[in-house]
C-alpha atoms as a PDB file:
ATOM      1  CA  ASP A   1       0.000   0.000   0.000  1.00  0.00           C
ATOM      2  CA  GLN A   2       2.873   2.361   0.815  1.00  0.00           C
ATOM      3  CA  ILE A   3       4.532   1.679  -2.544  1.00  0.00           C
ATOM      4  CA  VAL A   4       1.303   2.534  -4.355  1.00  0.00           C
ATOM      5  CA  LYS A   5       1.024   5.827  -2.427  1.00  0.00           C
ATOM      6  CA  GLN A   6       4.629   6.714  -3.238  1.00  0.00           C
ATOM      7  CA  ALA A   7       4.121   5.858  -6.916  1.00  0.00           C
ATOM      8  CA  ARG A   8       0.995   8.013  -7.070  1.00  0.00           C
ATOM      9  CA  ALA A   9       2.872  10.909  -5.453  1.00  0.00           C
ATOM     10  CA  ILE A  10       5.608  10.657  -8.087  1.00  0.00           C
ATOM     11  CA  ILE A  11       3.053  10.491 -10.900  1.00  0.00           C
ATOM     12  CA  GLN A  12       1.315  13.559  -9.453  1.00  0.00           C
ATOM     13  CA  GLN A  13       4.621  15.473  -9.383  1.00  0.00           C
ATOM     14  CA  ILE A  14       5.213  14.580 -13.032  1.00  0.00           C
ATOM     15  CA  ASP A  15       1.663  15.604 -13.972  1.00  0.00           C
ATOM     16  CA  GLU A  16       2.069  18.911 -12.120  1.00  0.00           C
ATOM     17  CA  ALA A  17       5.285  19.529 -14.061  1.00  0.00           C
ATOM     18  CA  GLY A  18       3.276  19.266 -17.296  1.00  0.00           C
ATOM     19  CA  GLY A  19       3.888  15.628 -18.161  1.00  0.00           C
ATOM     20  CA  MET A  20       6.955  13.468 -18.491  1.00  0.00           C
ATOM     21  CA  ALA A  21       8.557  15.356 -21.384  1.00  0.00           C
ATOM     22  CA  LYS A  22       8.403  18.661 -19.519  1.00  0.00           C
ATOM     23  CA  ALA A  23       9.525  16.989 -16.293  1.00  0.00           C
ATOM     24  CA  ILE A  24      12.587  15.646 -18.106  1.00  0.00           C
ATOM     25  CA  GLU A  25      13.317  19.082 -19.594  1.00  0.00           C
ATOM     26  CA  ALA A  26      13.130  20.561 -16.093  1.00  0.00           C
ATOM     27  CA  GLY A  27      15.422  17.837 -14.729  1.00  0.00           C
ATOM     28  CA  LEU A  28      12.803  16.466 -12.332  1.00  0.00           C
ATOM     29  CA  PRO A  29      13.524  12.734 -12.781  1.00  0.00           C
ATOM     30  CA  LYS A  30      17.276  13.333 -12.538  1.00  0.00           C
ATOM     31  CA  ARG A  31      16.846  15.327  -9.335  1.00  0.00           C
ATOM     32  CA  MET A  32      14.563  12.677  -7.833  1.00  0.00           C
ATOM     33  CA  ILE A  33      17.108   9.948  -8.623  1.00  0.00           C
ATOM     34  CA  GLU A  34      19.957  12.011  -7.160  1.00  0.00           C
ATOM     35  CA  GLU A  35      17.970  12.677  -3.975  1.00  0.00           C
ATOM     36  CA  ALA A  36      17.060   8.995  -3.588  1.00  0.00           C
ATOM     37  CA  SER A  37      20.680   8.031  -4.169  1.00  0.00           C
ATOM     38  CA  ALA A  38      21.896  10.497  -1.532  1.00  0.00           C
ATOM     39  CA  ARG A  39      19.342   9.184   0.994  1.00  0.00           C
ATOM     40  CA  GLU A  40      20.353   5.585   0.309  1.00  0.00           C
ATOM     41  CA  GLN A  41      24.072   6.390   0.586  1.00  0.00           C
ATOM     42  CA  SER A  42      23.428   8.158   3.884  1.00  0.00           C
ATOM     43  CA  LEU A  43      21.682   5.058   5.260  1.00  0.00           C
ATOM     44  CA  ILE A  44      24.610   2.905   4.138  1.00  0.00           C
ATOM     45  CA  ASP A  45      27.160   5.288   5.649  1.00  0.00           C
ATOM     46  CA  GLN A  46      25.275   5.353   8.964  1.00  0.00           C
ATOM     47  CA  GLY A  47      25.044   1.559   9.032  1.00  0.00           C
ATOM     48  CA  LYS A  48      21.246   1.698   8.909  1.00  0.00           C
ATOM     49  CA  ARG A  49      21.257  -0.090   5.532  1.00  0.00           C
ATOM     50  CA  VAL A  50      23.442  -3.192   5.643  1.00  0.00           C
ATOM     51  CA  ILE A  51      25.435  -4.221   2.612  1.00  0.00           C
ATOM     52  CA  VAL A  52      27.452  -7.335   3.323  1.00  0.00           C
ATOM     53  CA  GLY A  53      31.105  -6.769   2.533  1.00  0.00           C
ATOM     54  CA  VAL A  54      30.704  -2.999   2.315  1.00  0.00           C
ATOM     55  CA  ASN A  55      29.592  -1.824   5.743  1.00  0.00           C
ATOM     56  CA  LYS A  56      29.084  -5.152   7.523  1.00  0.00           C
ATOM     57  CA  TYR A  57      31.055  -8.409   7.659  1.00  0.00           C
ATOM     58  CA  LYS A  58      33.983  -6.915   5.760  1.00  0.00           C
ATOM     59  CA  LEU A  59      37.109  -8.979   5.263  1.00  0.00           C
ATOM     60  CA  ASP A  60      40.167  -7.937   7.259  1.00  0.00           C
ATOM     61  CA  HIS A  61      42.262  -8.334   4.145  1.00  0.00           C
ATOM     62  CA  GLU A  62      40.890  -8.468   0.656  1.00  0.00           C
ATOM     63  CA  ASP A  63      42.964 -10.055  -2.095  1.00  0.00           C
ATOM     64  CA  GLU A  64      43.500  -7.872  -5.120  1.00  0.00           C
ATOM     65  CA  THR A  65      41.524  -8.902  -8.147  1.00  0.00           C
ATOM     66  CA  ASP A  66      43.026  -8.753 -11.608  1.00  0.00           C
ATOM     67  CA  VAL A  67      40.935  -6.610 -13.900  1.00  0.00           C
ATOM     68  CA  LEU A  68      40.951  -7.193 -17.622  1.00  0.00           C
ATOM     69  CA  GLU A  69      41.091  -3.846 -19.367  1.00  0.00           C
ATOM     70  CA  ILE A  70      39.618  -3.752 -22.836  1.00  0.00           C
ATOM     71  CA  ASP A  71      40.286  -1.087 -25.436  1.00  0.00           C
ATOM     72  CA  ASN A  72      36.756  -0.621 -26.786  1.00  0.00           C
ATOM     73  CA  VAL A  73      37.926   1.488 -29.725  1.00  0.00           C
ATOM     74  CA  MET A  74      40.376  -1.205 -30.808  1.00  0.00           C
ATOM     75  CA  VAL A  75      37.736  -3.948 -30.467  1.00  0.00           C
ATOM     76  CA  ARG A  76      35.255  -1.888 -32.474  1.00  0.00           C
ATOM     77  CA  ASN A  77      37.803  -1.212 -35.214  1.00  0.00           C
ATOM     78  CA  GLU A  78      38.717  -4.918 -35.374  1.00  0.00           C
ATOM     79  CA  GLN A  79      35.036  -5.853 -35.653  1.00  0.00           C
ATOM     80  CA  ILE A  80      34.483  -3.315 -38.432  1.00  0.00           C
ATOM     81  CA  ALA A  81      37.539  -4.595 -40.312  1.00  0.00           C
ATOM     82  CA  SER A  82      36.305  -8.167 -39.889  1.00  0.00           C
ATOM     83  CA  LEU A  83      32.859  -7.252 -41.238  1.00  0.00           C
ATOM     84  CA  GLU A  84      34.370  -5.410 -44.191  1.00  0.00           C
ATOM     85  CA  ARG A  85      36.232  -8.595 -45.180  1.00  0.00           C
ATOM     86  CA  ILE A  86      32.940 -10.512 -45.417  1.00  0.00           C
END
């Protein structure tokens, strides 16, 4: 029931802004997302929202993980060249 009320409140805000297109032009959805993100991060930082491995049950020592870095431009160019040969 609470989710429905919150959804209706958001829809009302969008309607009051003149519809979704005008709300986007005014930056309303972006602002709402940023505000929700800030609230969520605050809960995490305060320990009120538990994320295992981030703010609860963290490892004393975490092994480094190798990260494969991919040159997207090079991959794209190789794919284009491959398609041109077909």
